Amino acid sequence: MSQALYEPVAPPNQLAQFGISAADLDETVEVLPDNWPAFVVMEALGTQWRVGMAGRTGLDYSAVPAIMALIGIPKKNRSQVFQDVRVMEAEALLVMSESK
């Protein structure tokens, strides 16, 4: 991916105030193997946000079982992957709320 999943990108004029450009930012993030299944599920759920009057409120959990099945997450691991996705969801909501 060329852009972070949920982190807003600073405009060039703001970056310039700190003497940097977009080319100076390395947004490469290593995902640990144990976290890879949750990352893939979260990425696939990127269009499944519920939206209310105050913006995004959380993921549409009704899409989670289908995504996990399509991606091939073993049934015995789905509970843990779901809990990991919920941690990522909470952090994404926090980041998105800070960008308002």
N, C-alpha and C. Protein backbone atom coordinates (compact mmCIF):
# COMPACT_ATOMS: atom_id res chain seq x y z
N MET A 1 0.84 -1.18 0.00
CA MET A 1 0.00 0.00 0.00
C MET A 1 0.88 1.23 0.00
N SER A 2 0.43 2.23 -0.69
CA SER A 2 1.22 3.45 -0.74
C SER A 2 0.85 4.43 0.36
N GLN A 3 -0.27 4.22 1.03
CA GLN A 3 -0.71 5.14 2.08
C GLN A 3 -1.11 4.32 3.30
N ALA A 4 -0.92 4.89 4.47
CA ALA A 4 -1.31 4.21 5.70
C ALA A 4 -2.81 3.94 5.69
N LEU A 5 -3.23 2.90 6.40
CA LEU A 5 -4.64 2.55 6.39
C LEU A 5 -5.54 3.64 6.95
N TYR A 6 -5.19 4.21 8.07
CA TYR A 6 -6.08 5.16 8.73
C TYR A 6 -5.42 6.43 9.18
N GLU A 7 -4.14 6.57 8.98
CA GLU A 7 -3.40 7.75 9.40
C GLU A 7 -3.53 8.84 8.34
N PRO A 8 -4.00 10.01 8.72
CA PRO A 8 -4.09 11.09 7.72
C PRO A 8 -2.70 11.50 7.24
N VAL A 9 -2.62 11.88 5.98
CA VAL A 9 -1.35 12.32 5.40
C VAL A 9 -1.26 13.83 5.53
N ALA A 10 -0.13 14.31 6.03
CA ALA A 10 0.06 15.75 6.21
C ALA A 10 0.26 16.41 4.85
N PRO A 11 -0.33 17.59 4.66
CA PRO A 11 -0.13 18.32 3.41
C PRO A 11 1.34 18.78 3.29
N PRO A 12 1.83 18.94 2.05
CA PRO A 12 3.23 19.34 1.85
C PRO A 12 3.65 20.59 2.60
N ASN A 13 2.75 21.58 2.72
CA ASN A 13 3.12 22.81 3.41
C ASN A 13 3.37 22.58 4.91
N GLN A 14 2.64 21.64 5.51
CA GLN A 14 2.88 21.32 6.92
C GLN A 14 4.20 20.58 7.09
N LEU A 15 4.48 19.66 6.18
CA LEU A 15 5.75 18.93 6.24
C LEU A 15 6.91 19.90 6.07
N ALA A 16 6.76 20.87 5.17
CA ALA A 16 7.82 21.84 4.90
C ALA A 16 8.16 22.66 6.14
N GLN A 17 7.19 22.89 7.03
CA GLN A 17 7.45 23.64 8.25
C GLN A 17 8.48 22.93 9.13
N PHE A 18 8.58 21.61 8.97
CA PHE A 18 9.54 20.84 9.73
C PHE A 18 10.78 20.49 8.91
N GLY A 19 10.85 21.06 7.71
CA GLY A 19 12.01 20.84 6.85
C GLY A 19 12.06 19.47 6.20
N ILE A 20 10.89 18.85 6.03
CA ILE A 20 10.86 17.53 5.39
C ILE A 20 9.85 17.52 4.25
N SER A 21 9.94 16.51 3.42
CA SER A 21 8.98 16.32 2.34
C SER A 21 8.39 14.93 2.47
N ALA A 22 7.39 14.64 1.67
CA ALA A 22 6.75 13.32 1.71
C ALA A 22 7.76 12.22 1.40
N ALA A 23 8.74 12.52 0.55
CA ALA A 23 9.77 11.53 0.20
C ALA A 23 10.64 11.17 1.40
N ASP A 24 10.71 12.06 2.40
CA ASP A 24 11.52 11.80 3.58
C ASP A 24 10.86 10.84 4.56
N LEU A 25 9.57 10.65 4.41
CA LEU A 25 8.83 9.80 5.34
C LEU A 25 8.87 8.35 4.88
N ASP A 26 9.31 7.50 5.74
CA ASP A 26 9.31 6.07 5.45
C ASP A 26 8.15 5.47 6.22
N GLU A 27 7.11 5.09 5.53
CA GLU A 27 5.93 4.54 6.18
C GLU A 27 5.91 3.02 6.15
N THR A 28 7.07 2.43 5.90
CA THR A 28 7.15 0.98 5.90
C THR A 28 6.96 0.47 7.32
N VAL A 29 6.04 -0.45 7.48
CA VAL A 29 5.76 -1.02 8.79
C VAL A 29 5.88 -2.53 8.68
N GLU A 30 6.63 -3.11 9.58
CA GLU A 30 6.76 -4.56 9.59
C GLU A 30 5.63 -5.14 10.43
N VAL A 31 4.95 -6.12 9.88
CA VAL A 31 3.88 -6.81 10.60
C VAL A 31 4.44 -8.15 11.05
N LEU A 32 4.39 -8.38 12.34
CA LEU A 32 4.88 -9.64 12.89
C LEU A 32 4.01 -10.80 12.39
N PRO A 33 4.61 -11.95 12.18
CA PRO A 33 3.85 -13.09 11.65
C PRO A 33 2.60 -13.43 12.46
N ASP A 34 2.67 -13.31 13.79
CA ASP A 34 1.50 -13.61 14.62
C ASP A 34 0.35 -12.64 14.36
N ASN A 35 0.66 -11.43 13.90
CA ASN A 35 -0.35 -10.41 13.67
C ASN A 35 -0.84 -10.37 12.23
N TRP A 36 -0.20 -11.11 11.34
CA TRP A 36 -0.53 -11.04 9.92
C TRP A 36 -1.99 -11.39 9.63
N PRO A 37 -2.55 -12.47 10.20
CA PRO A 37 -3.96 -12.78 9.90
C PRO A 37 -4.90 -11.62 10.25
N ALA A 38 -4.70 -11.01 11.41
CA ALA A 38 -5.56 -9.89 11.80
C ALA A 38 -5.36 -8.69 10.88
N PHE A 39 -4.13 -8.45 10.46
CA PHE A 39 -3.87 -7.35 9.54
C PHE A 39 -4.60 -7.56 8.22
N VAL A 40 -4.54 -8.76 7.69
CA VAL A 40 -5.19 -9.06 6.42
C VAL A 40 -6.70 -8.91 6.54
N VAL A 41 -7.26 -9.39 7.64
CA VAL A 41 -8.71 -9.25 7.86
C VAL A 41 -9.08 -7.78 7.98
N MET A 42 -8.32 -7.04 8.77
CA MET A 42 -8.60 -5.61 8.95
C MET A 42 -8.53 -4.86 7.63
N GLU A 43 -7.53 -5.17 6.83
CA GLU A 43 -7.39 -4.52 5.53
C GLU A 43 -8.59 -4.84 4.64
N ALA A 44 -9.05 -6.08 4.66
CA ALA A 44 -10.20 -6.48 3.86
C ALA A 44 -11.49 -5.82 4.34
N LEU A 45 -11.54 -5.46 5.61
CA LEU A 45 -12.73 -4.81 6.18
C LEU A 45 -12.70 -3.29 5.98
N GLY A 46 -11.75 -2.79 5.23
CA GLY A 46 -11.57 -1.34 5.08
C GLY A 46 -12.78 -0.59 4.58
N THR A 47 -13.70 -1.26 3.89
CA THR A 47 -14.91 -0.59 3.40
C THR A 47 -16.14 -0.94 4.24
N GLN A 48 -15.92 -1.56 5.38
CA GLN A 48 -17.03 -2.06 6.20
C GLN A 48 -17.23 -1.26 7.49
N TRP A 49 -16.95 0.04 7.44
CA TRP A 49 -17.13 0.88 8.61
C TRP A 49 -18.59 1.32 8.72
N ARG A 50 -19.12 1.27 9.94
CA ARG A 50 -20.44 1.85 10.21
C ARG A 50 -20.22 3.34 10.48
N VAL A 51 -21.11 4.15 9.95
CA VAL A 51 -20.95 5.60 10.06
C VAL A 51 -22.22 6.19 10.67
N GLY A 52 -22.03 7.06 11.67
CA GLY A 52 -23.14 7.75 12.29
C GLY A 52 -22.95 9.25 12.16
N MET A 53 -23.71 10.01 12.90
CA MET A 53 -23.66 11.47 12.84
C MET A 53 -22.28 12.01 13.22
N ALA A 54 -21.57 11.30 14.07
CA ALA A 54 -20.26 11.76 14.53
C ALA A 54 -19.12 11.13 13.73
N GLY A 55 -19.43 10.44 12.65
CA GLY A 55 -18.40 9.79 11.84
C GLY A 55 -18.42 8.29 12.04
N ARG A 56 -17.29 7.67 11.81
CA ARG A 56 -17.20 6.22 11.93
C ARG A 56 -17.35 5.79 13.39
N THR A 57 -18.16 4.73 13.57
CA THR A 57 -18.43 4.26 14.93
C THR A 57 -17.86 2.88 15.19
N GLY A 58 -17.48 2.17 14.17
CA GLY A 58 -16.92 0.83 14.33
C GLY A 58 -17.12 0.03 13.06
N LEU A 59 -16.57 -1.16 13.07
CA LEU A 59 -16.69 -2.05 11.92
C LEU A 59 -18.03 -2.76 11.93
N ASP A 60 -18.50 -3.12 10.75
CA ASP A 60 -19.71 -3.93 10.62
C ASP A 60 -19.30 -5.38 10.83
N TYR A 61 -19.56 -5.88 12.03
CA TYR A 61 -19.11 -7.22 12.39
C TYR A 61 -19.80 -8.31 11.57
N SER A 62 -20.92 -8.00 10.93
CA SER A 62 -21.59 -9.04 10.14
C SER A 62 -20.75 -9.47 8.95
N ALA A 63 -19.80 -8.64 8.53
CA ALA A 63 -18.93 -8.99 7.41
C ALA A 63 -17.73 -9.84 7.83
N VAL A 64 -17.44 -9.88 9.11
CA VAL A 64 -16.22 -10.55 9.59
C VAL A 64 -16.19 -12.05 9.26
N PRO A 65 -17.24 -12.82 9.54
CA PRO A 65 -17.16 -14.25 9.24
C PRO A 65 -16.91 -14.55 7.75
N ALA A 66 -17.56 -13.81 6.88
CA ALA A 66 -17.37 -14.04 5.45
C ALA A 66 -15.95 -13.70 5.03
N ILE A 67 -15.41 -12.60 5.54
CA ILE A 67 -14.04 -12.21 5.21
C ILE A 67 -13.06 -13.27 5.70
N MET A 68 -13.24 -13.72 6.94
CA MET A 68 -12.33 -14.72 7.48
C MET A 68 -12.37 -16.01 6.66
N ALA A 69 -13.57 -16.41 6.24
CA ALA A 69 -13.70 -17.62 5.43
C ALA A 69 -13.03 -17.43 4.07
N LEU A 70 -13.26 -16.28 3.43
CA LEU A 70 -12.66 -16.02 2.12
C LEU A 70 -11.14 -15.97 2.17
N ILE A 71 -10.62 -15.41 3.25
CA ILE A 71 -9.17 -15.28 3.39
C ILE A 71 -8.53 -16.62 3.77
N GLY A 72 -9.34 -17.49 4.36
CA GLY A 72 -8.81 -18.81 4.75
C GLY A 72 -8.30 -18.89 6.17
N ILE A 73 -8.85 -18.05 7.05
CA ILE A 73 -8.47 -18.13 8.47
C ILE A 73 -9.08 -19.43 9.03
N PRO A 74 -8.25 -20.32 9.59
CA PRO A 74 -8.80 -21.56 10.16
C PRO A 74 -9.82 -21.26 11.25
N LYS A 75 -10.87 -22.06 11.30
CA LYS A 75 -11.94 -21.85 12.29
C LYS A 75 -11.41 -21.79 13.72
N LYS A 76 -10.41 -22.61 14.02
CA LYS A 76 -9.89 -22.64 15.39
C LYS A 76 -9.18 -21.34 15.77
N ASN A 77 -8.77 -20.54 14.78
CA ASN A 77 -8.05 -19.28 15.04
C ASN A 77 -8.95 -18.05 14.96
N ARG A 78 -10.17 -18.20 14.51
CA ARG A 78 -11.01 -17.04 14.23
C ARG A 78 -11.34 -16.21 15.46
N SER A 79 -11.51 -16.84 16.60
CA SER A 79 -11.82 -16.08 17.81
C SER A 79 -10.67 -15.14 18.18
N GLN A 80 -9.45 -15.65 18.13
CA GLN A 80 -8.29 -14.82 18.46
C GLN A 80 -8.08 -13.74 17.41
N VAL A 81 -8.24 -14.08 16.14
CA VAL A 81 -8.08 -13.07 15.08
C VAL A 81 -9.12 -11.98 15.25
N PHE A 82 -10.35 -12.35 15.61
CA PHE A 82 -11.39 -11.34 15.83
C PHE A 82 -11.01 -10.41 16.97
N GLN A 83 -10.48 -10.94 18.05
CA GLN A 83 -10.05 -10.10 19.18
C GLN A 83 -8.92 -9.17 18.74
N ASP A 84 -8.01 -9.66 17.93
CA ASP A 84 -6.92 -8.82 17.43
C ASP A 84 -7.44 -7.71 16.52
N VAL A 85 -8.43 -8.04 15.69
CA VAL A 85 -9.05 -7.03 14.82
C VAL A 85 -9.73 -5.96 15.66
N ARG A 86 -10.36 -6.35 16.75
CA ARG A 86 -11.02 -5.38 17.62
C ARG A 86 -10.02 -4.41 18.23
N VAL A 87 -8.82 -4.88 18.55
CA VAL A 87 -7.77 -3.99 19.06
C VAL A 87 -7.38 -2.99 17.97
N MET A 88 -7.22 -3.48 16.76
CA MET A 88 -6.87 -2.61 15.64
C MET A 88 -8.00 -1.61 15.35
N GLU A 89 -9.23 -2.07 15.44
CA GLU A 89 -10.39 -1.21 15.23
C GLU A 89 -10.40 -0.07 16.24
N ALA A 90 -10.17 -0.40 17.51
CA ALA A 90 -10.17 0.63 18.56
C ALA A 90 -9.10 1.68 18.29
N GLU A 91 -7.92 1.24 17.89
CA GLU A 91 -6.84 2.19 17.60
C GLU A 91 -7.16 3.02 16.36
N ALA A 92 -7.74 2.39 15.35
CA ALA A 92 -8.11 3.13 14.13
C ALA A 92 -9.15 4.20 14.46
N LEU A 93 -10.14 3.87 15.29
CA LEU A 93 -11.14 4.85 15.69
C LEU A 93 -10.51 6.01 16.43
N LEU A 94 -9.55 5.71 17.29
CA LEU A 94 -8.85 6.76 18.03
C LEU A 94 -8.10 7.68 17.08
N VAL A 95 -7.37 7.12 16.14
CA VAL A 95 -6.60 7.92 15.16
C VAL A 95 -7.55 8.76 14.32
N MET A 96 -8.65 8.18 13.87
CA MET A 96 -9.60 8.92 13.04
C MET A 96 -10.27 10.03 13.82
N SER A 97 -10.53 9.81 15.10
CA SER A 97 -11.17 10.86 15.90
C SER A 97 -10.22 12.04 16.16
N GLU A 98 -8.93 11.75 16.21
CA GLU A 98 -7.93 12.81 16.43
C GLU A 98 -7.75 13.69 15.20
N SER A 99 -8.12 13.19 14.03
CA SER A 99 -7.89 13.95 12.79
C SER A 99 -9.03 14.90 12.47
N LYS A 100 -10.02 15.00 13.33
CA LYS A 100 -11.15 15.91 13.08
C LYS A 100 -10.82 17.32 13.49
